[in-house]
């Protein structure tokens, strides 16, 4: 299958591809081994955010724990 990039840097997915993912509205885009990789993404409703907050509270995590985890995740590797 072939897709053409437009002057606005947009791609149209071929019908055969779209049919394989009928309920997908969003895709995560990555480059892997010089290829564009599209992965279907399901958007999580806001109610799930409350479930996450409840789990954080149940685990006894503090705001400082979360801040430390974010700093750790954003650190630059040597």
C-alpha atoms as a PDB file:
ATOM      1  CA  UNK A   1       0.000   0.000   0.000  1.00  0.00           C
ATOM      2  CA  UNK A   2       1.096   3.503  -0.677  1.00  0.00           C
ATOM      3  CA  UNK A   3       0.398   6.754   1.198  1.00  0.00           C
ATOM      4  CA  UNK A   4       1.448  10.195   0.020  1.00  0.00           C
ATOM      5  CA  UNK A   5       2.581  12.997   2.326  1.00  0.00           C
ATOM      6  CA  UNK A   6       0.739  16.231   1.532  1.00  0.00           C
ATOM      7  CA  UNK A   7       2.205  19.735   1.457  1.00  0.00           C
ATOM      8  CA  UNK A   8       0.868  20.111   5.026  1.00  0.00           C
ATOM      9  CA  UNK A   9       2.798  16.995   6.151  1.00  0.00           C
ATOM     10  CA  UNK A  10      -0.341  14.890   6.500  1.00  0.00           C
ATOM     11  CA  UNK A  11      -0.872  11.253   5.555  1.00  0.00           C
ATOM     12  CA  UNK A  12      -4.130   9.547   4.703  1.00  0.00           C
ATOM     13  CA  UNK A  13      -4.319   5.953   5.855  1.00  0.00           C
ATOM     14  CA  UNK A  14      -5.490   3.495   3.169  1.00  0.00           C
ATOM     15  CA  UNK A  15      -9.021   2.094   3.616  1.00  0.00           C
ATOM     16  CA  UNK A  16      -7.699  -1.420   4.215  1.00  0.00           C
ATOM     17  CA  UNK A  17      -5.673  -0.201   7.192  1.00  0.00           C
ATOM     18  CA  UNK A  18      -8.521   1.866   8.638  1.00  0.00           C
ATOM     19  CA  UNK A  19     -10.902  -1.090   8.354  1.00  0.00           C
ATOM     20  CA  UNK A  20      -8.545  -3.153  10.527  1.00  0.00           C
ATOM     21  CA  UNK A  21      -8.933  -0.584  13.349  1.00  0.00           C
ATOM     22  CA  UNK A  22     -12.613   0.440  13.237  1.00  0.00           C
ATOM     23  CA  UNK A  23     -12.838   1.926  16.744  1.00  0.00           C
ATOM     24  CA  UNK A  24      -9.427   3.627  16.836  1.00  0.00           C
ATOM     25  CA  UNK A  25      -9.278   7.405  16.664  1.00  0.00           C
ATOM     26  CA  UNK A  26      -5.707   8.029  17.886  1.00  0.00           C
ATOM     27  CA  UNK A  27      -2.342   6.438  17.139  1.00  0.00           C
ATOM     28  CA  UNK A  28       0.978   6.730  18.968  1.00  0.00           C
ATOM     29  CA  UNK A  29       3.702   7.430  16.407  1.00  0.00           C
ATOM     30  CA  UNK A  30       7.299   6.257  16.788  1.00  0.00           C
ATOM     31  CA  UNK A  31      10.325   5.646  14.621  1.00  0.00           C
ATOM     32  CA  UNK A  32      11.772   2.143  14.875  1.00  0.00           C
ATOM     33  CA  UNK A  33      14.655   0.919  12.737  1.00  0.00           C
ATOM     34  CA  UNK A  34      14.084   3.746  10.248  1.00  0.00           C
ATOM     35  CA  UNK A  35      10.365   2.959   9.917  1.00  0.00           C
ATOM     36  CA  UNK A  36       7.277   4.822  11.081  1.00  0.00           C
ATOM     37  CA  UNK A  37       5.369   2.726  13.618  1.00  0.00           C
ATOM     38  CA  UNK A  38       1.710   3.510  14.361  1.00  0.00           C
ATOM     39  CA  UNK A  39       0.253   1.954  17.505  1.00  0.00           C
ATOM     40  CA  UNK A  40      -3.475   2.247  18.277  1.00  0.00           C
ATOM     41  CA  UNK A  41      -4.181   4.199  21.469  1.00  0.00           C
ATOM     42  CA  UNK A  42      -7.309   4.079  23.571  1.00  0.00           C
ATOM     43  CA  UNK A  43      -8.020   7.354  25.351  1.00  0.00           C
ATOM     44  CA  UNK A  44      -8.723   6.816  29.041  1.00  0.00           C
ATOM     45  CA  UNK A  45     -11.775   8.545  30.514  1.00  0.00           C
ATOM     46  CA  UNK A  46     -11.329  11.050  33.338  1.00  0.00           C
ATOM     47  CA  UNK A  47     -12.937   8.617  35.800  1.00  0.00           C
ATOM     48  CA  UNK A  48      -9.800   6.485  35.519  1.00  0.00           C
ATOM     49  CA  UNK A  49      -7.782   9.401  36.874  1.00  0.00           C
ATOM     50  CA  UNK A  50      -9.673   9.062  40.143  1.00  0.00           C
ATOM     51  CA  UNK A  51      -8.785   5.361  40.250  1.00  0.00           C
ATOM     52  CA  UNK A  52      -5.109   6.295  39.903  1.00  0.00           C
ATOM     53  CA  UNK A  53      -5.415   8.878  42.690  1.00  0.00           C
ATOM     54  CA  UNK A  54      -7.106   6.288  44.905  1.00  0.00           C
ATOM     55  CA  UNK A  55      -4.317   3.773  44.256  1.00  0.00           C
ATOM     56  CA  UNK A  56      -1.643   6.390  45.052  1.00  0.00           C
ATOM     57  CA  UNK A  57      -3.383   7.120  48.333  1.00  0.00           C
ATOM     58  CA  UNK A  58      -3.753   3.397  49.126  1.00  0.00           C
ATOM     59  CA  UNK A  59      -0.024   2.891  48.506  1.00  0.00           C
ATOM     60  CA  UNK A  60       0.765   5.745  50.873  1.00  0.00           C
ATOM     61  CA  UNK A  61       2.704   7.726  48.273  1.00  0.00           C
ATOM     62  CA  UNK A  62       3.273  11.391  49.012  1.00  0.00           C
ATOM     63  CA  UNK A  63       3.559  14.338  46.656  1.00  0.00           C
ATOM     64  CA  UNK A  64       7.312  14.306  47.344  1.00  0.00           C
ATOM     65  CA  UNK A  65       7.503  10.639  46.281  1.00  0.00           C
ATOM     66  CA  UNK A  66       5.826  11.527  43.004  1.00  0.00           C
ATOM     67  CA  UNK A  67       8.052  14.582  42.460  1.00  0.00           C
ATOM     68  CA  UNK A  68      11.131  12.423  43.117  1.00  0.00           C
ATOM     69  CA  UNK A  69       9.882   9.797  40.655  1.00  0.00           C
ATOM     70  CA  UNK A  70       9.345  12.449  37.967  1.00  0.00           C
ATOM     71  CA  UNK A  71      12.829  13.875  38.531  1.00  0.00           C
ATOM     72  CA  UNK A  72      14.281  10.367  38.322  1.00  0.00           C
ATOM     73  CA  UNK A  73      12.412   9.631  35.068  1.00  0.00           C
ATOM     74  CA  UNK A  74      13.514  12.928  33.482  1.00  0.00           C
ATOM     75  CA  UNK A  75      17.167  12.622  34.413  1.00  0.00           C
ATOM     76  CA  UNK A  76      19.682  12.537  31.620  1.00  0.00           C
ATOM     77  CA  UNK A  77      21.687   9.377  31.233  1.00  0.00           C
ATOM     78  CA  UNK A  78      25.484   9.857  31.295  1.00  0.00           C
END
